[in-house]
Amino acid sequence: MTISEFLNEFTFIELTEDVLAECEHFSCGVGDLDEYFQKDVLGYTRKMVSRSYVFRSNSNPKQIACAFSVSNDSLRMTDLSNRK
C-alpha cells in the first residue's frame, strides 16, 4: 500500500476524549502501550506532557488503525557530556 492509498483509506486526527468514546477498543498487542492508550493518554494530554494522534478508518470510523503520542520534551545539548 502506498502512502497515497493509505491516506485515502484513513484519516489522521488528534486523539481526544470524544474520539475514544466513539471508537472501538484499540490494542497494539503490547500491554503497557495498550494500558497507556486506555487509561493514561487523556491525563497526559491535559497535563500537556504529550499529544496523541490516531489514524481512523474511513470505511469504519469506529476503528483505529494506528495510535501514537508525541512528547513535549527536549534534550538540551548543554545537558550532555562532551561525548559524541
N, C-alpha and C. Protein backbone atom coordinates (compact mmCIF):
# COMPACT_ATOMS: atom_id res chain seq x y z
N MET A 1 0.85 -1.17 0.00
CA MET A 1 0.00 0.00 0.00
C MET A 1 0.90 1.24 0.00
N THR A 2 0.61 2.14 -0.89
CA THR A 2 1.38 3.39 -0.96
C THR A 2 0.86 4.37 0.10
N ILE A 3 1.62 5.39 0.35
CA ILE A 3 1.19 6.42 1.29
C ILE A 3 -0.10 7.08 0.81
N SER A 4 -0.19 7.33 -0.48
CA SER A 4 -1.39 7.93 -1.04
C SER A 4 -2.61 7.04 -0.82
N GLU A 5 -2.46 5.75 -1.05
CA GLU A 5 -3.56 4.81 -0.81
C GLU A 5 -3.94 4.77 0.66
N PHE A 6 -2.93 4.75 1.54
CA PHE A 6 -3.18 4.75 2.97
C PHE A 6 -3.98 5.98 3.39
N LEU A 7 -3.56 7.15 2.91
CA LEU A 7 -4.23 8.39 3.28
C LEU A 7 -5.64 8.49 2.71
N ASN A 8 -5.93 7.74 1.65
CA ASN A 8 -7.29 7.68 1.12
C ASN A 8 -8.18 6.77 1.97
N GLU A 9 -7.58 5.83 2.68
CA GLU A 9 -8.34 4.88 3.48
C GLU A 9 -8.45 5.26 4.95
N PHE A 10 -7.55 6.15 5.42
CA PHE A 10 -7.53 6.51 6.83
C PHE A 10 -7.44 8.02 7.00
N THR A 11 -8.00 8.50 8.12
CA THR A 11 -7.97 9.93 8.44
C THR A 11 -7.11 10.14 9.68
N PHE A 12 -6.23 11.11 9.61
CA PHE A 12 -5.33 11.47 10.71
C PHE A 12 -6.02 12.52 11.57
N ILE A 13 -6.20 12.22 12.88
CA ILE A 13 -6.83 13.19 13.79
C ILE A 13 -6.18 13.09 15.17
N GLU A 14 -6.39 14.13 15.96
CA GLU A 14 -5.92 14.12 17.34
C GLU A 14 -6.79 13.18 18.15
N LEU A 15 -6.17 12.46 19.07
CA LEU A 15 -6.90 11.55 19.95
C LEU A 15 -7.47 12.36 21.11
N THR A 16 -8.78 12.43 21.16
CA THR A 16 -9.48 13.19 22.19
C THR A 16 -10.41 12.25 22.96
N GLU A 17 -11.01 12.78 24.00
CA GLU A 17 -11.98 12.00 24.78
C GLU A 17 -13.15 11.57 23.90
N ASP A 18 -13.61 12.46 23.02
CA ASP A 18 -14.70 12.12 22.10
C ASP A 18 -14.31 11.00 21.15
N VAL A 19 -13.12 11.07 20.62
CA VAL A 19 -12.66 10.03 19.70
C VAL A 19 -12.59 8.69 20.42
N LEU A 20 -12.06 8.67 21.65
CA LEU A 20 -12.00 7.43 22.41
C LEU A 20 -13.40 6.87 22.67
N ALA A 21 -14.35 7.75 22.97
CA ALA A 21 -15.72 7.31 23.24
C ALA A 21 -16.40 6.76 21.99
N GLU A 22 -16.08 7.32 20.83
CA GLU A 22 -16.70 6.90 19.57
C GLU A 22 -16.11 5.61 19.01
N CYS A 23 -14.87 5.31 19.35
CA CYS A 23 -14.15 4.21 18.71
C CYS A 23 -14.20 2.92 19.51
N GLU A 24 -13.98 1.83 18.79
CA GLU A 24 -13.82 0.52 19.42
C GLU A 24 -12.51 0.49 20.18
N HIS A 25 -12.39 -0.46 21.07
CA HIS A 25 -11.17 -0.64 21.85
C HIS A 25 -9.97 -0.80 20.92
N PHE A 26 -8.92 -0.03 21.19
CA PHE A 26 -7.70 -0.11 20.40
C PHE A 26 -6.67 -0.94 21.15
N SER A 27 -6.03 -1.87 20.47
CA SER A 27 -4.96 -2.66 21.06
C SER A 27 -3.85 -2.85 20.04
N CYS A 28 -2.63 -2.55 20.47
CA CYS A 28 -1.48 -2.79 19.61
C CYS A 28 -0.79 -4.11 19.97
N GLY A 29 -1.27 -4.75 21.05
CA GLY A 29 -0.71 -6.03 21.45
C GLY A 29 0.41 -5.94 22.46
N VAL A 30 0.79 -4.73 22.86
CA VAL A 30 1.81 -4.54 23.89
C VAL A 30 1.09 -4.01 25.13
N GLY A 31 1.10 -4.80 26.19
CA GLY A 31 0.34 -4.49 27.39
C GLY A 31 0.50 -3.08 27.93
N ASP A 32 1.73 -2.64 28.08
CA ASP A 32 1.98 -1.30 28.63
C ASP A 32 1.44 -0.20 27.72
N LEU A 33 1.60 -0.37 26.42
CA LEU A 33 1.08 0.63 25.48
C LEU A 33 -0.44 0.60 25.43
N ASP A 34 -1.02 -0.60 25.47
CA ASP A 34 -2.48 -0.70 25.50
C ASP A 34 -3.04 0.00 26.74
N GLU A 35 -2.41 -0.21 27.88
CA GLU A 35 -2.85 0.44 29.12
C GLU A 35 -2.72 1.96 29.01
N TYR A 36 -1.64 2.42 28.44
CA TYR A 36 -1.44 3.86 28.25
C TYR A 36 -2.58 4.46 27.43
N PHE A 37 -2.90 3.85 26.29
CA PHE A 37 -3.94 4.41 25.42
C PHE A 37 -5.34 4.21 25.98
N GLN A 38 -5.53 3.27 26.90
CA GLN A 38 -6.84 3.05 27.51
C GLN A 38 -7.06 3.92 28.74
N LYS A 39 -6.00 4.11 29.55
CA LYS A 39 -6.18 4.74 30.85
C LYS A 39 -5.45 6.06 31.04
N ASP A 40 -4.31 6.24 30.42
CA ASP A 40 -3.44 7.36 30.76
C ASP A 40 -3.38 8.49 29.73
N VAL A 41 -3.72 8.20 28.50
CA VAL A 41 -3.46 9.13 27.40
C VAL A 41 -4.12 10.50 27.61
N LEU A 42 -5.35 10.53 28.08
CA LEU A 42 -6.04 11.82 28.24
C LEU A 42 -5.43 12.64 29.37
N GLY A 43 -4.98 11.98 30.43
CA GLY A 43 -4.32 12.69 31.52
C GLY A 43 -3.02 13.34 31.06
N TYR A 44 -2.26 12.64 30.25
CA TYR A 44 -1.01 13.19 29.71
C TYR A 44 -1.30 14.38 28.80
N THR A 45 -2.40 14.29 28.04
CA THR A 45 -2.78 15.40 27.17
C THR A 45 -3.18 16.61 28.01
N ARG A 46 -4.01 16.40 29.04
CA ARG A 46 -4.45 17.51 29.90
C ARG A 46 -3.27 18.19 30.60
N LYS A 47 -2.29 17.39 30.99
CA LYS A 47 -1.10 17.95 31.68
C LYS A 47 -0.08 18.50 30.69
N MET A 48 -0.39 18.42 29.40
CA MET A 48 0.48 18.90 28.33
C MET A 48 1.84 18.21 28.32
N VAL A 49 1.85 16.95 28.73
CA VAL A 49 3.06 16.14 28.68
C VAL A 49 3.25 15.58 27.28
N SER A 50 2.14 15.24 26.65
CA SER A 50 2.20 14.71 25.29
C SER A 50 0.89 15.02 24.57
N ARG A 51 0.92 14.80 23.30
CA ARG A 51 -0.26 14.91 22.45
C ARG A 51 -0.34 13.62 21.64
N SER A 52 -1.52 13.07 21.51
CA SER A 52 -1.67 11.79 20.83
C SER A 52 -2.56 11.92 19.61
N TYR A 53 -2.28 11.07 18.64
CA TYR A 53 -2.96 11.11 17.36
C TYR A 53 -3.30 9.70 16.92
N VAL A 54 -4.30 9.59 16.05
CA VAL A 54 -4.69 8.29 15.51
C VAL A 54 -4.97 8.41 14.03
N PHE A 55 -4.92 7.27 13.37
CA PHE A 55 -5.43 7.13 12.02
C PHE A 55 -6.69 6.29 12.14
N ARG A 56 -7.83 6.87 11.74
CA ARG A 56 -9.12 6.17 11.78
C ARG A 56 -9.51 5.72 10.39
N SER A 57 -10.11 4.56 10.34
CA SER A 57 -10.58 4.01 9.06
C SER A 57 -11.72 4.86 8.52
N ASN A 58 -11.66 5.20 7.24
CA ASN A 58 -12.74 5.96 6.61
C ASN A 58 -13.97 5.08 6.39
N SER A 59 -13.77 3.79 6.14
CA SER A 59 -14.89 2.89 5.90
C SER A 59 -15.57 2.46 7.20
N ASN A 60 -14.82 2.50 8.31
CA ASN A 60 -15.37 2.17 9.63
C ASN A 60 -14.74 3.12 10.64
N PRO A 61 -15.30 4.33 10.81
CA PRO A 61 -14.70 5.34 11.69
C PRO A 61 -14.55 4.92 13.15
N LYS A 62 -15.18 3.82 13.54
CA LYS A 62 -15.02 3.33 14.91
C LYS A 62 -13.71 2.57 15.10
N GLN A 63 -13.04 2.30 13.99
CA GLN A 63 -11.82 1.50 14.02
C GLN A 63 -10.58 2.39 13.96
N ILE A 64 -9.73 2.27 14.97
CA ILE A 64 -8.43 2.95 14.99
C ILE A 64 -7.39 1.99 14.43
N ALA A 65 -6.70 2.43 13.41
CA ALA A 65 -5.69 1.58 12.78
C ALA A 65 -4.32 1.77 13.42
N CYS A 66 -4.08 2.95 13.95
CA CYS A 66 -2.75 3.28 14.47
C CYS A 66 -2.89 4.42 15.46
N ALA A 67 -2.12 4.37 16.53
CA ALA A 67 -2.11 5.45 17.52
C ALA A 67 -0.68 5.73 17.93
N PHE A 68 -0.37 7.01 18.19
CA PHE A 68 0.96 7.36 18.68
C PHE A 68 0.89 8.67 19.44
N SER A 69 1.88 8.88 20.26
CA SER A 69 1.99 10.11 21.06
C SER A 69 3.31 10.80 20.76
N VAL A 70 3.26 12.11 20.85
CA VAL A 70 4.45 12.94 20.70
C VAL A 70 4.67 13.63 22.03
N SER A 71 5.84 13.46 22.59
CA SER A 71 6.15 14.03 23.90
C SER A 71 6.58 15.48 23.78
N ASN A 72 6.10 16.29 24.72
CA ASN A 72 6.50 17.69 24.79
C ASN A 72 7.72 17.79 25.70
N ASP A 73 8.85 17.45 25.15
CA ASP A 73 10.08 17.45 25.92
C ASP A 73 11.22 17.82 25.00
N SER A 74 12.38 18.00 25.58
CA SER A 74 13.55 18.35 24.78
C SER A 74 14.80 17.78 25.43
N LEU A 75 15.83 17.78 24.66
CA LEU A 75 17.15 17.37 25.12
C LEU A 75 18.10 18.49 24.76
N ARG A 76 18.59 19.17 25.77
CA ARG A 76 19.49 20.29 25.52
C ARG A 76 20.92 19.80 25.37
N MET A 77 21.61 20.34 24.41
CA MET A 77 22.99 19.96 24.17
C MET A 77 23.86 20.26 25.39
N THR A 78 23.53 21.30 26.14
CA THR A 78 24.34 21.64 27.32
C THR A 78 24.18 20.63 28.44
N ASP A 79 23.11 19.81 28.40
CA ASP A 79 22.90 18.77 29.40
C ASP A 79 23.71 17.51 29.11
N LEU A 80 24.25 17.42 27.91
CA LEU A 80 25.01 16.24 27.52
C LEU A 80 26.48 16.42 27.86
N SER A 81 27.12 15.30 28.07
CA SER A 81 28.56 15.37 28.28
C SER A 81 29.24 15.65 26.94
N ASN A 82 30.52 15.76 26.94
CA ASN A 82 31.27 16.05 25.72
C ASN A 82 31.43 14.82 24.83
N ARG A 83 30.82 13.71 25.18
CA ARG A 83 30.91 12.51 24.36
C ARG A 83 30.10 12.67 23.09
N LYS A 84 30.55 12.04 22.03
CA LYS A 84 29.80 12.09 20.77
C LYS A 84 28.82 10.97 20.70
